Protein backbone atom coordinates (compact mmCIF):
# COMPACT_ATOMS: atom_id res chain seq x y z
CA MET A 1 112.44 124.34 101.06
CA ARG A 2 114.04 126.08 104.05
CA ALA A 3 117.38 127.87 104.64
CA THR A 4 118.72 126.30 107.83
CA SER A 5 121.95 127.58 109.43
CA VAL A 6 124.28 125.73 111.79
CA ARG A 7 127.56 126.57 113.43
CA SER A 8 130.69 125.56 111.63
CA ASN A 9 134.43 125.68 112.15
CA GLU A 10 137.56 124.72 110.24
CA ILE A 11 136.96 120.97 110.92
CA VAL A 12 133.19 120.79 110.52
CA GLY A 13 133.46 123.05 107.41
CA VAL A 14 135.80 120.67 105.54
CA ALA A 15 138.90 122.85 106.13
CA GLY A 16 137.27 125.89 104.57
CA PHE A 17 136.34 124.22 101.29
CA LEU A 18 132.57 124.57 101.68
CA TYR A 19 131.30 127.05 99.13
CA PRO A 20 127.82 128.11 98.08
CA GLY A 21 126.64 125.43 95.61
CA SER A 22 128.64 122.65 97.22
CA HIS A 23 126.79 119.50 98.19
CA VAL A 24 127.49 117.70 101.48
CA ASP A 25 126.40 114.77 103.62
CA VAL A 26 125.75 115.52 107.29
CA LEU A 27 127.03 113.04 109.88
CA ALA A 28 126.15 113.12 113.58
CA THR A 29 128.16 111.54 116.41
CA LEU A 30 126.24 110.93 119.62
CA ARG A 31 125.79 108.53 122.52
CA PRO A 32 122.22 107.10 122.38
CA PRO A 33 120.48 106.68 125.70
CA GLY A 34 121.56 103.46 127.34
CA ALA A 35 124.40 102.81 124.87
CA GLN A 36 127.85 102.04 126.14
CA SER A 37 129.67 103.69 123.25
CA PRO A 38 128.99 106.56 120.85
CA ILE A 39 127.81 106.07 117.24
CA THR A 40 128.13 108.03 114.02
CA GLN A 41 125.26 108.09 111.63
CA THR A 42 124.70 109.81 108.27
CA ILE A 43 121.57 111.89 108.92
CA LEU A 44 121.28 113.85 105.64
CA GLN A 45 122.66 113.18 102.15
CA ASP A 46 123.33 115.35 99.12
CA VAL A 47 122.40 118.62 100.80
CA GLU A 48 123.09 121.96 99.01
CA VAL A 49 125.14 124.64 100.80
CA ILE A 50 123.48 127.99 99.96
CA THR A 51 125.81 130.25 101.99
CA ALA A 52 129.13 129.81 103.71
CA GLY A 53 129.51 132.57 106.29
CA GLN A 54 127.94 135.56 104.61
CA ARG A 55 129.07 134.63 101.12
CA ILE A 56 126.53 133.55 98.52
CA GLN A 57 129.18 133.16 95.80
CA PRO A 58 132.25 130.94 95.88
CA ASP A 59 135.65 132.66 96.17
CA PRO A 60 136.71 133.44 92.57
CA GLU A 61 140.25 132.15 93.24
CA GLY A 62 139.00 128.98 95.00
CA LYS A 63 140.79 129.86 98.23
CA PRO A 64 139.57 128.04 101.37
CA GLN A 65 137.78 130.25 103.88
CA THR A 66 136.94 129.23 107.41
CA VAL A 67 133.41 130.27 108.32
CA ASN A 68 131.42 130.25 111.51
CA VAL A 69 127.98 129.51 109.97
CA VAL A 70 126.89 127.33 107.08
CA THR A 71 123.37 127.62 105.64
CA LEU A 72 121.90 124.56 103.95
CA LEU A 73 118.81 124.20 101.77
CA LEU A 74 116.51 121.62 103.47
CA ASN A 75 112.90 120.49 103.54
CA PRO A 76 111.12 121.06 106.93
CA VAL A 77 111.71 117.50 108.24
CA ASP A 78 115.39 117.60 107.38
CA SER A 79 115.66 121.02 109.05
CA GLU A 80 114.33 119.51 112.24
CA LYS A 81 116.82 116.60 112.02
CA LEU A 82 119.71 118.98 111.55
CA LEU A 83 118.73 121.31 114.37
CA LEU A 84 118.21 118.39 116.76
CA ALA A 85 121.60 116.89 115.79
CA SER A 86 123.34 120.27 116.17
CA THR A 87 122.12 120.53 119.80
CA GLN A 88 122.38 116.84 120.83
CA ALA A 89 125.37 115.59 118.82
CA THR A 90 128.53 116.67 117.12
CA ILE A 91 127.94 117.23 113.43
CA GLN A 92 130.37 116.93 110.55
CA PHE A 93 130.00 117.85 106.89
CA VAL A 94 131.36 115.47 104.27
CA LEU A 95 131.98 117.16 100.93
CA ARG A 96 130.51 115.32 97.92
CA SER A 97 131.69 115.20 94.37
CA GLY A 98 129.33 117.18 92.06
CA ALA A 99 128.84 114.02 90.01
CA ASP A 100 127.93 111.86 93.03
CA LYS A 101 124.06 111.72 93.24
CA GLU A 102 123.78 108.33 95.01
CA LYS A 103 122.08 108.14 98.32
CA PRO A 104 123.14 104.78 99.76
CA VAL A 105 121.41 103.38 102.81
CA THR A 106 123.98 103.42 105.61
CA ASN A 107 124.03 101.91 109.05
CA SER A 108 125.44 103.73 112.05
CA VAL A 109 129.00 102.87 113.11
CA SER A 110 129.81 102.27 116.75
CA LEU A 111 133.12 102.67 118.58
CA ASP A 112 133.27 98.88 119.04
CA GLU A 113 133.17 98.40 115.23
CA LEU A 114 136.33 100.47 114.79
CA VAL A 115 138.26 97.72 116.55
CA ALA A 116 139.44 95.12 114.10
CA GLY A 117 137.22 92.04 114.05
CA ALA A 118 134.54 93.51 116.27
CA ARG A 119 131.77 93.12 113.68
CA LYS A 120 129.69 89.99 114.26
CA ALA A 121 128.09 87.91 111.53
CA PRO A 122 124.33 88.62 111.33
CA GLU A 123 122.00 86.11 112.85
CA ALA A 124 118.81 84.94 111.32
CA PRO A 125 116.07 82.77 112.74
CA VAL A 126 115.84 79.29 111.29
CA LYS A 127 112.57 77.34 111.42
CA VAL A 128 112.73 73.85 112.86
CA LYS A 129 110.05 71.17 113.45
CA GLY A 130 106.97 72.52 115.13
CA SER A 131 106.99 76.01 116.50
CA ALA A 132 110.47 75.80 118.06
CA ARG A 133 113.05 78.24 116.65
CA ARG A 134 116.79 78.43 116.99
CA ARG A 135 119.28 80.99 115.77
CA ALA A 136 121.94 80.24 113.20
CA THR A 137 124.85 82.33 112.12
CA ILE A 138 124.89 83.20 108.44
CA ALA A 139 128.17 82.13 106.87
CA LYS A 140 130.20 84.76 105.12
CA ALA A 141 131.23 84.27 101.54
CA PRO A 142 134.91 83.54 101.04
CA PRO A 143 137.01 86.55 100.03
CA PRO A 144 137.47 86.94 96.26
CA LYS A 145 140.66 85.53 94.71
CA PRO A 146 143.17 88.34 94.12
CA PRO A 147 143.82 89.15 90.44
CA ASP A 148 146.76 87.64 88.59
CA PHE A 149 147.85 91.21 87.70
CA TYR A 150 147.57 94.69 89.10
CA THR A 151 146.77 97.77 87.06
CA VAL A 152 148.15 101.22 87.93
CA GLU A 153 147.06 104.40 86.22
CA VAL A 154 149.93 106.88 86.03
CA ILE A 155 149.04 110.55 85.63
CA HIS A 156 151.90 112.93 84.83
CA GLY A 157 150.57 116.39 84.14
CA ASP A 158 148.01 116.03 81.38
CA LYS A 159 149.34 112.67 80.23
CA ARG A 160 147.84 109.36 81.39
CA SER A 161 149.16 105.81 80.98
CA VAL A 162 148.18 102.42 82.33
CA GLU A 163 150.73 99.98 83.60
CA LYS A 164 150.05 96.30 84.37
CA PHE A 165 152.13 94.23 86.74
CA GLU A 166 151.87 90.47 87.04
CA GLU A 167 151.44 89.04 90.53
CA SER A 168 154.82 87.17 90.33
CA SER A 169 156.72 90.37 89.54
CA HIS A 170 156.18 91.93 92.96
CA GLN A 171 157.30 88.94 95.03
C-alpha cells in the first residue's frame, strides 16, 4: 500500500469533514479526447484517508477543518489513477458512511445525461434469417405502481414513530 497525497480545498475536501480514518470515493470530471461534453466517472471507491492536512488524528470536537492536502492509502495502480486524474481532471471526494462497504459498478455520466430525457434506451443486436442483422430497441419495463399508502418515520430527539398515510388522504 502507498500513501498518495493530492491537493484539496473546501469543496474537494467535503467542506472540511475529511478526517484521518474517513473513507471516500474519488470522482473525476474530464473531457475525453474527441468528446463533445465532459463526463464524471467514479475512479476509486472506499479509499481510506490517512491524513488530512498534517493531522493524523481527527479533531476531538469533530469540528470541520479545511485542508490543502489529503493523503489516501492506495495500492500502486490506484495511486497512478489518482495522480493522473489530479493532473488531467477535476477530482472530488465523496464521503462514505462507515457502514457502506459496497463497491457498485458505475458508468460515467455525461453532461447530455443531466438534461431530462436525454438517456436513450440501450440497443441490442437481433439475429434474423441468414447472416443479416438489425438493431432493435429494448423496451423499458413499466414503472412500478405507487403504493396505496405512504410511510413516514418521525424522529423527535431520541423518540421515533412511524406514521402511515393512505393515498386518498393526500388528495
